Structure formats: structure tokens, C-alpha cells
Amino acid sequence: MKKISYIITVTLIVFFSATVIAQGNISETQQRYVADEVIVKFKSSTINLQKSSGIVSLQNFASSQNLISEDIISAQNISVMKIDDSQNVVDVIQGLQNNSSIEYVQPNFIYTIQTTNPNDTHFDVQRGLKNIGQN
């Protein structure tokens, strides 16, 4: 009986380890991101989005790369750039990675929030779903 229990335990450990390893190695094509957008963080020494001259530089940069600046997060020196239909995200990123004006570029990933109810007996009360003393 101990031998069977040991074999089952080892099998489960191997299975769950393989699952965790596989999840860590998700290929880029399986990751979820907006198909026609990239996020670009500029070096503040080259394009400073907190200055009006930086906005002009951003517009010049975008037009030279066949991109459109859709949104700007000036405090972080970041722009969300839309790419045209003839390009894909991976090719645009590879083309921009060696640009001296850019600190980093990445796809505009789609994040989802995973929530669980905590093991707190008063969680529903804190959320306003129950009154104290009610079960």
C-alpha cells in the first residue's frame, strides 16, 4: 500500500511540476495582447513627453515609423502606439528595439484580474453584502 501511495504522490508531483514549467514558457504567439498596438517607453534624454517639444518629437518619430500615437502617459514617458494593418506587433517591436530613443518596447498586453474570496469570516460584511450578525 505504501508503494502505491508513493507512486501516486511522485506522479502528481511530476505532473504539477510539468504544468508549472509549461505555463512559465508560454510562447509569444499564445500571449494575449492588442493586435495592432505597442507600448513604447522613450529615454527622457531623447524624447521627453512632459515637454511640448517632446510631443512634437513623438509625432515626428511616429510618422517616421508608420505609427500613430494613440495615448500618452507623460509622467512615465510612455506612448501607446497604433500600427497599421500591413505590420504585425512582433515585426514592429524587432524594428524598434535598437532605436536609440527607446528605453523599451513591448506589446500592449491584455491583463485580467483573477479574484478569489479570502478566508475571512467578515469578508461579506466588509464588501457590504451582509450586516453583522446576519448569516
Protein backbone atom coordinates (compact mmCIF):
# COMPACT_ATOMS: atom_id res chain seq x y z
CA MET A 1 0.00 0.00 0.00
CA LYS A 2 2.88 2.37 0.79
CA LYS A 3 4.40 1.70 -2.60
CA ILE A 4 1.19 2.63 -4.44
CA SER A 5 0.80 5.78 -2.36
CA TYR A 6 4.42 6.71 -3.11
CA ILE A 7 3.96 6.16 -6.86
CA ILE A 8 0.79 8.26 -6.92
CA THR A 9 2.48 11.07 -4.97
CA VAL A 10 5.51 11.11 -7.27
CA THR A 11 3.27 11.06 -10.35
CA LEU A 12 1.25 14.01 -9.08
CA ILE A 13 4.39 15.99 -8.25
CA VAL A 14 5.82 15.37 -11.72
CA PHE A 15 2.50 16.28 -13.39
CA PHE A 16 2.09 19.54 -11.46
CA SER A 17 5.75 20.47 -11.94
CA ALA A 18 5.42 19.98 -15.70
CA THR A 19 2.28 22.12 -15.71
CA VAL A 20 4.01 24.97 -13.85
CA ILE A 21 7.06 24.78 -16.12
CA ALA A 22 4.86 24.78 -19.23
CA GLN A 23 2.95 27.83 -18.02
CA GLY A 24 6.22 29.70 -17.50
CA ASN A 25 7.28 29.04 -21.09
CA ILE A 26 4.26 30.35 -22.95
CA SER A 27 5.29 31.34 -26.44
CA GLU A 28 4.74 34.89 -27.61
CA THR A 29 2.01 33.82 -30.03
CA GLN A 30 -0.05 32.40 -27.16
CA GLN A 31 0.12 35.56 -25.04
CA ARG A 32 -2.82 37.92 -25.25
CA TYR A 33 -2.18 41.43 -26.49
CA VAL A 34 -3.85 44.06 -28.63
CA ALA A 35 -3.08 43.01 -32.21
CA ASP A 36 -2.27 46.48 -33.56
CA GLU A 37 -0.66 48.32 -30.63
CA VAL A 38 2.71 48.53 -28.92
CA ILE A 39 3.78 50.37 -25.79
CA VAL A 40 6.93 52.46 -26.18
CA LYS A 41 8.90 53.96 -23.30
CA PHE A 42 11.22 56.68 -24.51
CA LYS A 43 14.50 57.73 -22.96
CA SER A 44 13.80 61.11 -21.37
CA SER A 45 17.15 62.37 -22.67
CA THR A 46 15.90 61.98 -26.26
CA ILE A 47 12.10 62.39 -26.18
CA ASN A 48 10.62 63.95 -23.04
CA LEU A 49 6.83 63.71 -23.19
CA GLN A 50 6.42 66.17 -20.31
CA LYS A 51 7.54 68.97 -22.62
CA SER A 52 5.78 70.33 -25.69
CA SER A 53 8.95 69.78 -27.71
CA GLY A 54 8.80 66.11 -26.68
CA ILE A 55 5.27 65.82 -28.06
CA VAL A 56 6.47 67.23 -31.38
CA SER A 57 9.41 64.79 -31.34
CA LEU A 58 6.97 61.95 -30.61
CA GLN A 59 4.82 62.92 -33.60
CA ASN A 60 7.89 63.04 -35.85
CA PHE A 61 9.08 59.69 -34.51
CA ALA A 62 5.66 58.10 -35.01
CA SER A 63 5.32 59.28 -38.61
CA SER A 64 8.85 58.12 -39.46
CA GLN A 65 7.98 54.63 -38.15
CA ASN A 66 4.48 54.47 -39.73
CA LEU A 67 2.90 54.53 -36.26
CA ILE A 68 0.21 56.66 -34.65
CA SER A 69 0.46 57.79 -31.04
CA GLU A 70 -2.91 56.91 -29.52
CA ASP A 71 -2.26 57.69 -25.89
CA ILE A 72 0.49 59.29 -23.82
CA ILE A 73 1.44 58.69 -20.21
CA SER A 74 3.69 61.71 -19.90
CA ALA A 75 4.73 61.12 -16.28
CA GLN A 76 6.23 57.76 -17.30
CA ASN A 77 7.43 58.94 -20.74
CA ILE A 78 5.31 56.24 -22.40
CA SER A 79 3.19 56.25 -25.54
CA VAL A 80 0.70 53.67 -26.78
CA MET A 81 1.35 53.42 -30.50
CA LYS A 82 -1.03 52.04 -33.10
CA ILE A 83 0.48 50.15 -36.02
CA ASP A 84 -1.02 49.94 -39.49
CA ASP A 85 -2.55 46.79 -40.95
CA SER A 86 0.47 45.88 -43.07
CA GLN A 87 2.71 45.37 -39.99
CA ASN A 88 2.45 42.98 -37.07
CA VAL A 89 3.39 43.58 -33.44
CA VAL A 90 6.43 41.30 -33.40
CA ASP A 91 7.98 42.91 -36.50
CA VAL A 92 7.40 46.43 -35.16
CA ILE A 93 8.98 45.53 -31.82
CA GLN A 94 12.01 43.98 -33.51
CA GLY A 95 12.39 47.09 -35.65
CA LEU A 96 12.20 49.47 -32.69
CA GLN A 97 14.33 47.58 -30.14
CA ASN A 98 17.62 49.00 -31.40
CA ASN A 99 16.36 52.57 -31.71
CA SER A 100 18.50 54.87 -29.55
CA SER A 101 15.46 56.95 -28.49
CA ILE A 102 13.67 53.99 -26.92
CA GLU A 103 14.22 52.54 -23.46
CA TYR A 104 11.90 49.59 -24.15
CA VAL A 105 9.04 48.50 -26.39
CA GLN A 106 6.50 45.76 -25.74
CA PRO A 107 3.10 44.54 -26.92
CA ASN A 108 0.06 46.13 -25.32
CA PHE A 109 -0.74 43.07 -23.21
CA ILE A 110 -4.29 42.35 -22.10
CA TYR A 111 -4.35 41.68 -18.38
CA THR A 112 -7.21 40.09 -16.50
CA ILE A 113 -7.78 40.22 -12.79
CA GLN A 114 -8.10 36.89 -11.08
CA THR A 115 -10.06 37.20 -7.87
CA THR A 116 -10.86 34.77 -5.13
CA ASN A 117 -12.79 35.18 -1.93
CA PRO A 118 -10.40 35.27 1.01
CA ASN A 119 -10.73 33.01 4.01
CA ASP A 120 -12.14 35.87 6.10
CA THR A 121 -15.34 35.35 8.06
CA HIS A 122 -16.20 39.06 7.75
CA PHE A 123 -15.38 39.45 4.04
CA ASP A 124 -19.05 39.78 3.03
CA VAL A 125 -19.59 42.39 5.76
CA GLN A 126 -16.62 44.42 4.53
CA ARG A 127 -17.97 44.32 1.00
CA GLY A 128 -21.38 45.43 2.23
CA LEU A 129 -23.15 42.21 1.25
CA LYS A 130 -24.27 41.31 4.77
CA ASN A 131 -24.99 43.02 8.04
CA ILE A 132 -23.08 42.00 11.13
CA GLY A 133 -24.94 39.23 12.95
CA GLN A 134 -26.60 38.01 9.74
CA ASN A 135 -25.56 34.65 8.29
